[in-house]
C-alpha atoms as a PDB file:
ATOM      1  CA  MET A   1      -7.032  30.950-136.505  1.00  0.00           C
ATOM      2  CA  ASN A   2      -4.749  32.018-133.798  1.00  0.00           C
ATOM      3  CA  ASN A   3      -3.756  28.559-132.300  1.00  0.00           C
ATOM      4  CA  LYS A   4      -0.074  28.115-132.907  1.00  0.00           C
ATOM      5  CA  ARG A   5      -0.049  24.596-131.792  1.00  0.00           C
ATOM      6  CA  LYS A   6      -2.813  23.586-134.334  1.00  0.00           C
ATOM      7  CA  LEU A   7      -0.951  25.495-137.052  1.00  0.00           C
ATOM      8  CA  LEU A   8       2.276  23.673-136.354  1.00  0.00           C
ATOM      9  CA  ILE A   9       0.496  20.161-136.157  1.00  0.00           C
ATOM     10  CA  SER A  10      -1.063  20.865-139.642  1.00  0.00           C
ATOM     11  CA  LEU A  11       2.394  21.771-140.929  1.00  0.00           C
ATOM     12  CA  LEU A  12       3.878  18.574-139.625  1.00  0.00           C
ATOM     13  CA  ASP A  13       1.138  16.532-141.089  1.00  0.00           C
ATOM     14  CA  HIS A  14       1.529  18.290-144.356  1.00  0.00           C
ATOM     15  CA  ILE A  15       5.417  17.733-144.571  1.00  0.00           C
ATOM     16  CA  GLY A  16       5.410  14.306-142.897  1.00  0.00           C
ATOM     17  CA  ARG A  17       7.943  12.862-140.596  1.00  0.00           C
ATOM     18  CA  THR A  18      11.023  13.281-142.929  1.00  0.00           C
ATOM     19  CA  ASN A  19      14.370  14.653-142.008  1.00  0.00           C
ATOM     20  CA  LEU A  20      15.004  18.217-141.582  1.00  0.00           C
ATOM     21  CA  ASN A  21      16.569  18.887-145.018  1.00  0.00           C
ATOM     22  CA  SER A  22      13.631  17.123-146.724  1.00  0.00           C
ATOM     23  CA  ALA A  23      11.073  18.969-144.639  1.00  0.00           C
ATOM     24  CA  ILE A  24      12.592  22.401-145.376  1.00  0.00           C
ATOM     25  CA  GLU A  25      12.746  21.701-149.194  1.00  0.00           C
ATOM     26  CA  HIS A  26       9.114  20.529-149.052  1.00  0.00           C
ATOM     27  CA  MET A  27       7.965  23.588-147.530  1.00  0.00           C
ATOM     28  CA  TRP A  28       9.894  25.780-149.880  1.00  0.00           C
ATOM     29  CA  ASN A  29       8.510  23.782-152.778  1.00  0.00           C
ATOM     30  CA  SER A  30       4.819  24.165-151.313  1.00  0.00           C
ATOM     31  CA  GLY A  31       5.165  27.789-150.909  1.00  0.00           C
ATOM     32  CA  LEU A  32       5.035  27.588-147.074  1.00  0.00           C
ATOM     33  CA  LEU A  33       8.117  29.695-146.553  1.00  0.00           C
ATOM     34  CA  ASN A  34       8.424  33.498-146.927  1.00  0.00           C
ATOM     35  CA  ARG A  35      11.262  34.153-149.374  1.00  0.00           C
ATOM     36  CA  ALA A  36      11.704  37.809-148.535  1.00  0.00           C
ATOM     37  CA  ALA A  37      11.982  37.046-144.877  1.00  0.00           C
ATOM     38  CA  LEU A  38      14.636  34.211-145.740  1.00  0.00           C
ATOM     39  CA  GLU A  39      16.564  36.657-147.841  1.00  0.00           C
ATOM     40  CA  ARG A  40      16.589  39.254-145.001  1.00  0.00           C
ATOM     41  CA  LEU A  41      17.883  36.392-142.560  1.00  0.00           C
ATOM     42  CA  TYR A  42      20.640  35.321-145.120  1.00  0.00           C
ATOM     43  CA  ILE A  43      21.773  38.875-145.686  1.00  0.00           C
ATOM     44  CA  GLY A  44      21.714  39.900-141.986  1.00  0.00           C
ATOM     45  CA  SER A  45      23.658  36.763-141.051  1.00  0.00           C
ATOM     46  CA  GLU A  46      26.129  37.129-143.760  1.00  0.00           C
ATOM     47  CA  VAL A  47      26.781  40.960-143.311  1.00  0.00           C
ATOM     48  CA  GLY A  48      27.092  40.151-139.490  1.00  0.00           C
ATOM     49  CA  ARG A  49      29.685  37.455-140.264  1.00  0.00           C
ATOM     50  CA  ARG A  50      31.627  39.771-142.545  1.00  0.00           C
ATOM     51  CA  VAL A  51      31.761  42.484-139.897  1.00  0.00           C
ATOM     52  CA  ARG A  52      32.825  40.167-137.214  1.00  0.00           C
ATOM     53  CA  ALA A  53      35.652  39.122-139.520  1.00  0.00           C
ATOM     54  CA  GLY A  54      36.735  42.784-139.612  1.00  0.00           C
ATOM     55  CA  GLU A  55      35.190  44.228-142.744  1.00  0.00           C
ATOM     56  CA  SER A  56      33.302  47.464-142.417  1.00  0.00           C
ATOM     57  CA  LYS A  57      29.704  47.228-142.432  1.00  0.00           C
ATOM     58  CA  THR A  58      29.218  49.529-145.356  1.00  0.00           C
ATOM     59  CA  ARG A  59      31.866  47.359-147.418  1.00  0.00           C
ATOM     60  CA  ALA A  60      30.069  44.073-146.396  1.00  0.00           C
ATOM     61  CA  ILE A  61      26.712  45.619-147.743  1.00  0.00           C
ATOM     62  CA  GLU A  62      28.428  46.827-150.970  1.00  0.00           C
ATOM     63  CA  GLN A  63      30.156  43.462-151.762  1.00  0.00           C
ATOM     64  CA  LEU A  64      27.176  41.264-150.924  1.00  0.00           C
ATOM     65  CA  SER A  65      24.789  43.315-153.002  1.00  0.00           C
ATOM     66  CA  GLU A  66      27.301  42.684-155.819  1.00  0.00           C
ATOM     67  CA  GLU A  67      27.473  38.871-155.077  1.00  0.00           C
ATOM     68  CA  LEU A  68      23.638  38.712-155.109  1.00  0.00           C
ATOM     69  CA  SER A  69      23.216  41.098-158.023  1.00  0.00           C
ATOM     70  CA  CYS A  70      20.775  43.248-156.357  1.00  0.00           C
ATOM     71  CA  SER A  71      20.802  46.837-155.039  1.00  0.00           C
ATOM     72  CA  TYR A  72      22.895  48.231-152.281  1.00  0.00           C
ATOM     73  CA  GLU A  73      19.712  49.647-150.831  1.00  0.00           C
ATOM     74  CA  LYS A  74      18.052  46.268-150.775  1.00  0.00           C
ATOM     75  CA  VAL A  75      20.877  44.732-148.853  1.00  0.00           C
ATOM     76  CA  ARG A  76      21.185  47.860-146.509  1.00  0.00           C
ATOM     77  CA  ALA A  77      17.431  47.701-145.973  1.00  0.00           C
ATOM     78  CA  ALA A  78      17.664  43.929-144.910  1.00  0.00           C
ATOM     79  CA  VAL A  79      20.263  44.672-142.553  1.00  0.00           C
ATOM     80  CA  TYR A  80      18.550  47.571-140.933  1.00  0.00           C
ATOM     81  CA  HIS A  81      15.091  45.882-140.927  1.00  0.00           C
ATOM     82  CA  LYS A  82      16.498  42.862-139.131  1.00  0.00           C
ATOM     83  CA  ASN A  83      18.069  45.056-136.430  1.00  0.00           C
ATOM     84  CA  LYS A  84      14.890  46.986-136.029  1.00  0.00           C
ATOM     85  CA  THR A  85      12.707  43.988-135.964  1.00  0.00           C
ATOM     86  CA  THR A  86      14.925  42.200-133.290  1.00  0.00           C
ATOM     87  CA  GLN A  87      15.099  45.442-131.134  1.00  0.00           C
ATOM     88  CA  ASN A  88      11.344  45.855-131.337  1.00  0.00           C
ATOM     89  CA  GLN A  89      10.515  42.241-130.304  1.00  0.00           C
ATOM     90  CA  TRP A  90      12.258  42.709-126.880  1.00  0.00           C
ATOM     91  CA  LYS A  91      10.210  45.865-126.121  1.00  0.00           C
ATOM     92  CA  HIS A  92       6.803  43.952-125.362  1.00  0.00           C
END
């Protein structure tokens, strides 16, 4: 099915007309959210925030990987995957 509106209506019916926090928690608990995509979103935002605050990108990635107890490479890949995805979506 490729009809975005129908899919979104189905999602709204599934989660009900609750407040945003409850709706997001319900979607998380129902497995409707992509955890890997949310991790990339968080990592990209957090590294960006730290860089804007004056930290080097390398140091921000290093510290965040320690805080999240994951590899430097996972954080680095999330940062550069986000940038690549964002750049590619504007090419179409």
